[in-house]
Amino acid sequence: MAYHNDTGSGGEEMAVKYFIDKQYTILHRNWRYSHWEIDIIASYKNALHFIEVKTRRTTTFGYPEDDVSKRKIKFLMSSAEQYLYLNPYWKLIQYDILSITILKDKPVEFFLIEDVAL
């Protein structure tokens, strides 16, 4: 597996632990619709969270959250619409981005951006 794939899957593992520690219930990981994917679908305080996880091992080209484009958020929302069609009982929904920065000899940094909108 390529180094960037290891970083991504390792970041998603850390993200799951992060959300579980914050009392979220993880419902799905890597949920796919067509060619789109939602990294994490979780529930917390009666709301359904669609979460995009971005992980980087360097800040040379910016922080992980800088890499989440409007296009990516639109894909997240489109995938979420399909999920809600299949699971219509959810009334409160939220789109979140979890940025994970892993720098050598430093603690892992988590930055949660909640309720993202276009």
Protein backbone atom coordinates (compact mmCIF):
# COMPACT_ATOMS: atom_id res chain seq x y z
CA MET A 1 0.00 0.00 0.00
CA ALA A 2 1.27 3.49 -0.83
CA TYR A 3 2.51 5.75 1.98
CA HIS A 4 -0.36 8.24 1.51
CA ASN A 5 -2.88 5.39 1.76
CA ASP A 6 -1.28 4.27 5.03
CA THR A 7 -1.54 7.85 6.30
CA GLY A 8 -5.21 8.03 5.30
CA SER A 9 -6.25 4.70 6.80
CA GLY A 10 -4.19 5.37 9.93
CA GLY A 11 -5.86 8.75 10.24
CA GLU A 12 -9.30 7.19 9.94
CA GLU A 13 -8.41 4.73 12.73
CA MET A 14 -7.36 7.67 14.94
CA ALA A 15 -10.54 9.52 13.98
CA VAL A 16 -12.75 6.63 15.07
CA LYS A 17 -10.99 6.51 18.44
CA TYR A 18 -11.28 10.31 18.75
CA PHE A 19 -15.05 10.23 18.18
CA ILE A 20 -15.63 7.20 20.41
CA ASP A 21 -13.73 8.98 23.20
CA LYS A 22 -16.13 11.92 22.72
CA GLN A 23 -19.15 9.60 23.10
CA TYR A 24 -20.13 9.43 19.41
CA THR A 25 -21.61 6.17 18.15
CA ILE A 26 -19.91 5.06 14.94
CA LEU A 27 -22.54 3.74 12.53
CA HIS A 28 -20.47 3.29 9.35
CA ARG A 29 -16.92 3.64 8.12
CA ASN A 30 -16.12 4.20 4.45
CA TRP A 31 -19.79 4.11 3.44
CA ARG A 32 -19.99 4.13 -0.34
CA TYR A 33 -22.57 5.43 -2.76
CA SER A 34 -21.71 5.12 -6.44
CA HIS A 35 -18.13 6.40 -6.68
CA TRP A 36 -18.41 8.62 -3.58
CA GLU A 37 -17.44 7.68 -0.05
CA ILE A 38 -18.22 9.04 3.40
CA ASP A 39 -15.33 8.39 5.77
CA ILE A 40 -17.40 8.17 8.97
CA ILE A 41 -21.11 8.28 9.70
CA ALA A 42 -21.79 8.68 13.41
CA SER A 43 -24.54 9.70 15.78
CA TYR A 44 -24.16 12.08 18.69
CA LYS A 45 -26.84 13.77 20.79
CA ASN A 46 -29.68 12.73 18.44
CA ALA A 47 -27.93 14.11 15.35
CA LEU A 48 -26.42 12.23 12.44
CA HIS A 49 -22.89 13.35 11.52
CA PHE A 50 -21.33 12.86 8.10
CA ILE A 51 -17.60 13.23 8.67
CA GLU A 52 -14.77 13.81 6.22
CA VAL A 53 -11.36 12.90 7.68
CA LYS A 54 -8.18 14.47 6.32
CA THR A 55 -4.73 13.48 7.59
CA ARG A 56 -1.29 14.86 6.79
CA ARG A 57 2.22 14.14 8.01
CA THR A 58 3.54 17.56 6.99
CA THR A 59 2.28 21.13 6.87
CA THR A 60 4.49 22.08 3.92
CA PHE A 61 1.43 22.42 1.69
CA GLY A 62 -0.96 23.59 4.42
CA TYR A 63 -3.09 21.87 6.99
CA PRO A 64 -5.29 18.87 6.19
CA GLU A 65 -8.52 20.86 6.33
CA ASP A 66 -7.16 23.13 3.57
CA ASP A 67 -7.47 20.17 1.21
CA VAL A 68 -11.26 19.86 1.59
CA SER A 69 -12.67 21.65 -1.45
CA LYS A 70 -16.21 22.87 -2.08
CA ARG A 71 -16.45 20.07 -4.62
CA LYS A 72 -15.58 17.49 -1.95
CA ILE A 73 -18.19 18.96 0.41
CA LYS A 74 -20.79 18.78 -2.40
CA PHE A 75 -19.91 15.09 -2.89
CA LEU A 76 -20.25 14.53 0.86
CA MET A 77 -23.68 16.18 0.82
CA SER A 78 -24.81 14.21 -2.24
CA SER A 79 -23.74 10.94 -0.64
CA ALA A 80 -25.47 11.95 2.58
CA GLU A 81 -28.70 12.59 0.65
CA GLN A 82 -28.61 9.00 -0.59
CA TYR A 83 -27.89 7.71 2.92
CA LEU A 84 -30.86 9.70 4.26
CA TYR A 85 -33.07 8.33 1.50
CA LEU A 86 -32.19 4.83 2.71
CA ASN A 87 -32.40 5.83 6.40
CA PRO A 88 -35.16 8.46 6.54
CA TYR A 89 -35.67 8.49 10.31
CA TRP A 90 -32.86 10.99 10.94
CA LYS A 91 -34.11 14.56 11.31
CA LEU A 92 -31.00 16.37 12.55
CA ILE A 93 -27.91 16.10 10.37
CA GLN A 94 -24.53 17.75 10.36
CA TYR A 95 -21.48 17.77 8.09
CA ASP A 96 -18.12 17.83 9.86
CA ILE A 97 -14.44 17.77 8.92
CA LEU A 98 -11.83 16.23 11.19
CA SER A 99 -8.31 17.39 10.41
CA ILE A 100 -5.48 15.26 11.79
CA THR A 101 -1.89 16.49 11.66
CA ILE A 102 0.87 14.00 12.48
CA LEU A 103 4.23 15.75 12.75
CA LYS A 104 7.45 14.03 13.74
CA ASP A 105 8.30 14.37 17.46
CA LYS A 106 5.05 16.25 18.21
CA PRO A 107 1.71 15.14 19.63
CA VAL A 108 -0.98 14.34 17.07
CA GLU A 109 -3.20 17.37 16.49
CA PHE A 110 -6.96 17.00 16.00
CA PHE A 111 -9.03 19.92 14.69
CA LEU A 112 -12.78 19.38 14.34
CA ILE A 113 -14.73 21.74 12.11
CA GLU A 114 -18.40 21.25 12.91
CA ASP A 115 -21.52 21.97 10.89
CA VAL A 116 -19.79 22.78 7.60
CA ALA A 117 -21.92 24.49 4.96
CA LEU A 118 -21.31 25.77 1.44
